[in-house]
Amino acid sequence: MKILRIDKRRCIGCMACALICKQVKSHKGLELIYVEEVSRGEWAPTVCMHCQQAPCVNVCPAEAIVKLPDGVVKRAEEAKCLACRNCYLICPFGAPKIDERSKLMVKCDLCPERRAKGLLPYCATICPTGAIRYEESVEASIERREEAAQRLLRARPLT
């Protein structure tokens, strides 16, 4: 299964991910990834992480949010969404937003039209520093362990 991986240490705040997201035709001019400066020079992209046990799916009273077999949590189905904000309130990442024009929940759905063609989501394609990656969860896990081991070795020299 592929996952979206965000490495905040690599983010330079260029906003390329947000700009390309806004231009995707199916997003109707909405940014579904948000980049915020959390402290001076430190940036944090925020996007739906498509949780394995997605709380937004469980709290939707209209069953408008569904998790697909490939692990993607789809944005709310327009015909069902009540804009109750339950998904927004429970999301640990603050990813779902209510589009005030349509009164519907909107969030990243990992560019299904691109994934269907074997392409990466736009944000992972355009990020110049590799802060946003779409990769197999096993690859991400191995890389995280290697990075943690390197940090530990730098912090504690062997004697």
C-alpha atoms as a PDB file:
ATOM      1  CA  MET A   1       0.000   0.000   0.000  1.00  0.00           C
ATOM      2  CA  LYS A   2       1.279   3.473  -0.852  1.00  0.00           C
ATOM      3  CA  ILE A   3       1.169   6.346   1.603  1.00  0.00           C
ATOM      4  CA  LEU A   4       1.759  10.065   1.502  1.00  0.00           C
ATOM      5  CA  ARG A   5       4.814  10.924   3.559  1.00  0.00           C
ATOM      6  CA  ILE A   6       5.496  14.447   4.804  1.00  0.00           C
ATOM      7  CA  ASP A   7       8.987  15.357   6.027  1.00  0.00           C
ATOM      8  CA  LYS A   8       8.561  18.785   7.614  1.00  0.00           C
ATOM      9  CA  ARG A   9      12.335  19.173   8.013  1.00  0.00           C
ATOM     10  CA  ARG A  10      12.667  19.333   4.216  1.00  0.00           C
ATOM     11  CA  CYS A  11       9.853  21.836   3.598  1.00  0.00           C
ATOM     12  CA  ILE A  12      11.114  25.288   2.545  1.00  0.00           C
ATOM     13  CA  GLY A  13       7.691  26.943   2.389  1.00  0.00           C
ATOM     14  CA  CYS A  14       7.763  27.487  -1.384  1.00  0.00           C
ATOM     15  CA  MET A  15       4.010  26.733  -1.627  1.00  0.00           C
ATOM     16  CA  ALA A  16       4.451  24.842  -4.932  1.00  0.00           C
ATOM     17  CA  CYS A  17       2.296  21.976  -3.595  1.00  0.00           C
ATOM     18  CA  ALA A  18      -0.554  24.309  -2.623  1.00  0.00           C
ATOM     19  CA  LEU A  19      -0.391  26.216  -5.898  1.00  0.00           C
ATOM     20  CA  ILE A  20      -0.524  23.118  -8.097  1.00  0.00           C
ATOM     21  CA  CYS A  21      -3.269  21.613  -5.933  1.00  0.00           C
ATOM     22  CA  LYS A  22      -5.415  24.695  -6.455  1.00  0.00           C
ATOM     23  CA  GLN A  23      -5.020  24.337 -10.236  1.00  0.00           C
ATOM     24  CA  VAL A  24      -6.323  20.748 -10.406  1.00  0.00           C
ATOM     25  CA  LYS A  25      -9.598  20.900 -12.326  1.00  0.00           C
ATOM     26  CA  SER A  26     -11.481  18.556  -9.975  1.00  0.00           C
ATOM     27  CA  HIS A  27     -10.516  20.748  -6.982  1.00  0.00           C
ATOM     28  CA  LYS A  28     -12.518  23.668  -8.361  1.00  0.00           C
ATOM     29  CA  GLY A  29      -9.940  26.271  -7.326  1.00  0.00           C
ATOM     30  CA  LEU A  30      -9.531  24.956  -3.766  1.00  0.00           C
ATOM     31  CA  GLU A  31      -6.218  24.174  -2.097  1.00  0.00           C
ATOM     32  CA  LEU A  32      -6.467  20.793  -0.416  1.00  0.00           C
ATOM     33  CA  ILE A  33      -2.975  21.016   1.075  1.00  0.00           C
ATOM     34  CA  TYR A  34      -2.048  23.837   3.402  1.00  0.00           C
ATOM     35  CA  VAL A  35       1.446  25.137   4.148  1.00  0.00           C
ATOM     36  CA  GLU A  36       1.937  27.166   7.302  1.00  0.00           C
ATOM     37  CA  GLU A  37       4.969  28.709   8.952  1.00  0.00           C
ATOM     38  CA  VAL A  38       5.028  27.151  12.413  1.00  0.00           C
ATOM     39  CA  SER A  39       8.053  29.145  13.567  1.00  0.00           C
ATOM     40  CA  ARG A  40      10.548  31.420  11.887  1.00  0.00           C
ATOM     41  CA  GLY A  41      11.793  29.548   8.818  1.00  0.00           C
ATOM     42  CA  GLU A  42      10.055  26.293   9.790  1.00  0.00           C
ATOM     43  CA  TRP A  43       7.199  25.238   7.530  1.00  0.00           C
ATOM     44  CA  ALA A  44       4.614  22.495   7.847  1.00  0.00           C
ATOM     45  CA  PRO A  45       2.524  21.129   4.986  1.00  0.00           C
ATOM     46  CA  THR A  46      -0.825  19.828   6.217  1.00  0.00           C
ATOM     47  CA  VAL A  47      -2.780  17.358   4.135  1.00  0.00           C
ATOM     48  CA  CYS A  48      -5.030  14.365   4.700  1.00  0.00           C
ATOM     49  CA  MET A  49      -2.837  11.451   5.754  1.00  0.00           C
ATOM     50  CA  HIS A  50      -5.423   8.802   4.780  1.00  0.00           C
ATOM     51  CA  CYS A  51      -5.224   7.150   8.196  1.00  0.00           C
ATOM     52  CA  GLN A  52      -5.476   3.382   8.446  1.00  0.00           C
ATOM     53  CA  GLN A  53      -8.208   3.776  11.069  1.00  0.00           C
ATOM     54  CA  ALA A  54      -9.600   7.051   9.696  1.00  0.00           C
ATOM     55  CA  PRO A  55     -11.679   8.701  12.446  1.00  0.00           C
ATOM     56  CA  CYS A  56     -13.405  10.974   9.907  1.00  0.00           C
ATOM     57  CA  VAL A  57     -15.006   7.936   8.271  1.00  0.00           C
ATOM     58  CA  ASN A  58     -16.353   6.716  11.611  1.00  0.00           C
ATOM     59  CA  VAL A  59     -17.881  10.022  12.753  1.00  0.00           C
ATOM     60  CA  CYS A  60     -19.675  10.938   9.535  1.00  0.00           C
ATOM     61  CA  PRO A  61     -23.394  10.552  10.331  1.00  0.00           C
ATOM     62  CA  ALA A  62     -24.339  10.528   6.644  1.00  0.00           C
ATOM     63  CA  GLU A  63     -21.697   7.958   5.615  1.00  0.00           C
ATOM     64  CA  ALA A  64     -20.491  10.491   3.045  1.00  0.00           C
ATOM     65  CA  ILE A  65     -16.805   9.700   3.674  1.00  0.00           C
ATOM     66  CA  VAL A  66     -15.533   6.282   2.662  1.00  0.00           C
ATOM     67  CA  LYS A  67     -12.198   4.516   2.705  1.00  0.00           C
ATOM     68  CA  LEU A  68     -11.307   2.759  -0.543  1.00  0.00           C
ATOM     69  CA  PRO A  69      -9.644  -0.673  -0.692  1.00  0.00           C
ATOM     70  CA  ASP A  70      -6.337   0.980  -1.713  1.00  0.00           C
ATOM     71  CA  GLY A  71      -6.325   2.951   1.571  1.00  0.00           C
ATOM     72  CA  VAL A  72      -7.426   6.321   0.187  1.00  0.00           C
ATOM     73  CA  VAL A  73     -10.010   8.166   2.247  1.00  0.00           C
ATOM     74  CA  LYS A  74     -12.219   9.872  -0.319  1.00  0.00           C
ATOM     75  CA  ARG A  75     -13.523  13.374   0.140  1.00  0.00           C
ATOM     76  CA  ALA A  76     -17.184  13.552   1.140  1.00  0.00           C
ATOM     77  CA  GLU A  77     -19.735  12.467  -1.412  1.00  0.00           C
ATOM     78  CA  GLU A  78     -21.566  15.647  -2.421  1.00  0.00           C
ATOM     79  CA  ALA A  79     -25.033  14.100  -2.404  1.00  0.00           C
ATOM     80  CA  LYS A  80     -24.590  12.869   1.190  1.00  0.00           C
ATOM     81  CA  CYS A  81     -22.433  15.470   2.993  1.00  0.00           C
ATOM     82  CA  LEU A  82     -24.278  17.458   5.676  1.00  0.00           C
ATOM     83  CA  ALA A  83     -21.353  19.824   6.371  1.00  0.00           C
ATOM     84  CA  CYS A  84     -21.736  18.949  10.050  1.00  0.00           C
ATOM     85  CA  ARG A  85     -17.971  19.431  10.634  1.00  0.00           C
ATOM     86  CA  ASN A  86     -17.589  16.200  12.621  1.00  0.00           C
ATOM     87  CA  CYS A  87     -14.757  15.126  10.299  1.00  0.00           C
ATOM     88  CA  TYR A  88     -12.983  18.434  10.771  1.00  0.00           C
ATOM     89  CA  LEU A  89     -13.302  18.305  14.550  1.00  0.00           C
ATOM     90  CA  ILE A  90     -11.974  14.757  14.929  1.00  0.00           C
ATOM     91  CA  CYS A  91      -9.138  14.829  12.393  1.00  0.00           C
ATOM     92  CA  PRO A  92      -5.777  14.887  14.207  1.00  0.00           C
ATOM     93  CA  PHE A  93      -4.261  16.729  11.220  1.00  0.00           C
ATOM     94  CA  GLY A  94      -7.007  19.309  10.658  1.00  0.00           C
ATOM     95  CA  ALA A  95      -7.170  18.225   7.026  1.00  0.00           C
ATOM     96  CA  PRO A  96     -10.894  18.312   6.187  1.00  0.00           C
ATOM     97  CA  LYS A  97     -12.235  21.789   5.529  1.00  0.00           C
ATOM     98  CA  ILE A  98     -15.726  23.050   4.796  1.00  0.00           C
ATOM     99  CA  ASP A  99     -15.930  24.830   1.464  1.00  0.00           C
ATOM    100  CA  GLU A 100     -18.135  27.799   2.277  1.00  0.00           C
ATOM    101  CA  ARG A 101     -19.333  28.122  -1.335  1.00  0.00           C
ATOM    102  CA  SER A 102     -20.598  24.568  -1.713  1.00  0.00           C
ATOM    103  CA  LYS A 103     -21.161  23.903   2.021  1.00  0.00           C
ATOM    104  CA  LEU A 104     -19.362  20.558   1.626  1.00  0.00           C
ATOM    105  CA  MET A 105     -16.356  18.926   3.240  1.00  0.00           C
ATOM    106  CA  VAL A 106     -13.287  19.002   1.033  1.00  0.00           C
ATOM    107  CA  LYS A 107      -9.907  17.324   1.514  1.00  0.00           C
ATOM    108  CA  CYS A 108      -7.112  15.680  -0.412  1.00  0.00           C
ATOM    109  CA  ASP A 109      -8.006  12.485  -2.249  1.00  0.00           C
ATOM    110  CA  LEU A 110      -4.494  11.882  -3.639  1.00  0.00           C
ATOM    111  CA  CYS A 111      -5.321  12.904  -7.227  1.00  0.00           C
ATOM    112  CA  PRO A 112      -7.221   9.760  -8.277  1.00  0.00           C
ATOM    113  CA  GLU A 113      -7.116  10.736 -11.956  1.00  0.00           C
ATOM    114  CA  ARG A 114      -3.291  10.695 -11.820  1.00  0.00           C
ATOM    115  CA  ARG A 115      -2.973   7.546  -9.723  1.00  0.00           C
ATOM    116  CA  ALA A 116      -5.255   5.736 -12.194  1.00  0.00           C
ATOM    117  CA  LYS A 117      -2.577   6.427 -14.840  1.00  0.00           C
ATOM    118  CA  GLY A 118       0.235   5.246 -12.570  1.00  0.00           C
ATOM    119  CA  LEU A 119       1.367   8.808 -11.826  1.00  0.00           C
ATOM    120  CA  LEU A 120       2.132  10.407  -8.465  1.00  0.00           C
ATOM    121  CA  PRO A 121      -0.205  12.936  -6.852  1.00  0.00           C
ATOM    122  CA  TYR A 122       0.664  16.449  -8.021  1.00  0.00           C
ATOM    123  CA  CYS A 123       2.035  17.601  -4.659  1.00  0.00           C
ATOM    124  CA  ALA A 124       4.546  14.728  -4.543  1.00  0.00           C
ATOM    125  CA  THR A 125       5.556  15.431  -8.134  1.00  0.00           C
ATOM    126  CA  ILE A 126       6.223  19.135  -7.748  1.00  0.00           C
ATOM    127  CA  CYS A 127       7.881  19.335  -4.314  1.00  0.00           C
ATOM    128  CA  PRO A 128      11.447  20.492  -5.062  1.00  0.00           C
ATOM    129  CA  THR A 129      12.951  19.192  -1.806  1.00  0.00           C
ATOM    130  CA  GLY A 130      11.207  15.825  -1.475  1.00  0.00           C
ATOM    131  CA  ALA A 131       9.313  16.963   1.613  1.00  0.00           C
ATOM    132  CA  ILE A 132       6.181  15.344   0.149  1.00  0.00           C
ATOM    133  CA  ARG A 133       6.510  11.804  -1.138  1.00  0.00           C
ATOM    134  CA  TYR A 134       4.082   9.111  -2.202  1.00  0.00           C
ATOM    135  CA  GLU A 135       5.670   5.739  -1.597  1.00  0.00           C
ATOM    136  CA  GLU A 136       5.155   2.209  -0.426  1.00  0.00           C
ATOM    137  CA  SER A 137       4.593   2.156   3.321  1.00  0.00           C
ATOM    138  CA  VAL A 138       7.392  -0.426   3.742  1.00  0.00           C
ATOM    139  CA  GLU A 139       9.887   1.923   2.019  1.00  0.00           C
ATOM    140  CA  ALA A 140       8.799   4.779   4.266  1.00  0.00           C
ATOM    141  CA  SER A 141       9.177   2.628   7.372  1.00  0.00           C
ATOM    142  CA  ILE A 142      12.687   1.473   6.416  1.00  0.00           C
ATOM    143  CA  GLU A 143      13.784   5.022   5.613  1.00  0.00           C
ATOM    144  CA  ARG A 144      12.398   6.343   8.914  1.00  0.00           C
ATOM    145  CA  ARG A 145      14.330   3.694  10.835  1.00  0.00           C
ATOM    146  CA  GLU A 146      17.534   4.515   8.940  1.00  0.00           C
ATOM    147  CA  GLU A 147      17.092   8.251   9.623  1.00  0.00           C
ATOM    148  CA  ALA A 148      16.469   7.587  13.320  1.00  0.00           C
ATOM    149  CA  ALA A 149      19.578   5.410  13.525  1.00  0.00           C
ATOM    150  CA  GLN A 150      21.668   8.131  11.852  1.00  0.00           C
ATOM    151  CA  ARG A 151      20.357  10.769  14.285  1.00  0.00           C
ATOM    152  CA  LEU A 152      21.154   8.503  17.211  1.00  0.00           C
ATOM    153  CA  LEU A 153      24.699   7.886  15.960  1.00  0.00           C
ATOM    154  CA  ARG A 154      25.276  11.625  15.488  1.00  0.00           C
ATOM    155  CA  ALA A 155      23.974  12.353  18.983  1.00  0.00           C
ATOM    156  CA  ARG A 156      25.933   9.593  20.753  1.00  0.00           C
ATOM    157  CA  PRO A 157      29.370   8.828  19.368  1.00  0.00           C
ATOM    158  CA  LEU A 158      30.507   5.252  19.822  1.00  0.00           C
ATOM    159  CA  THR A 159      33.406   4.878  22.261  1.00  0.00           C
END
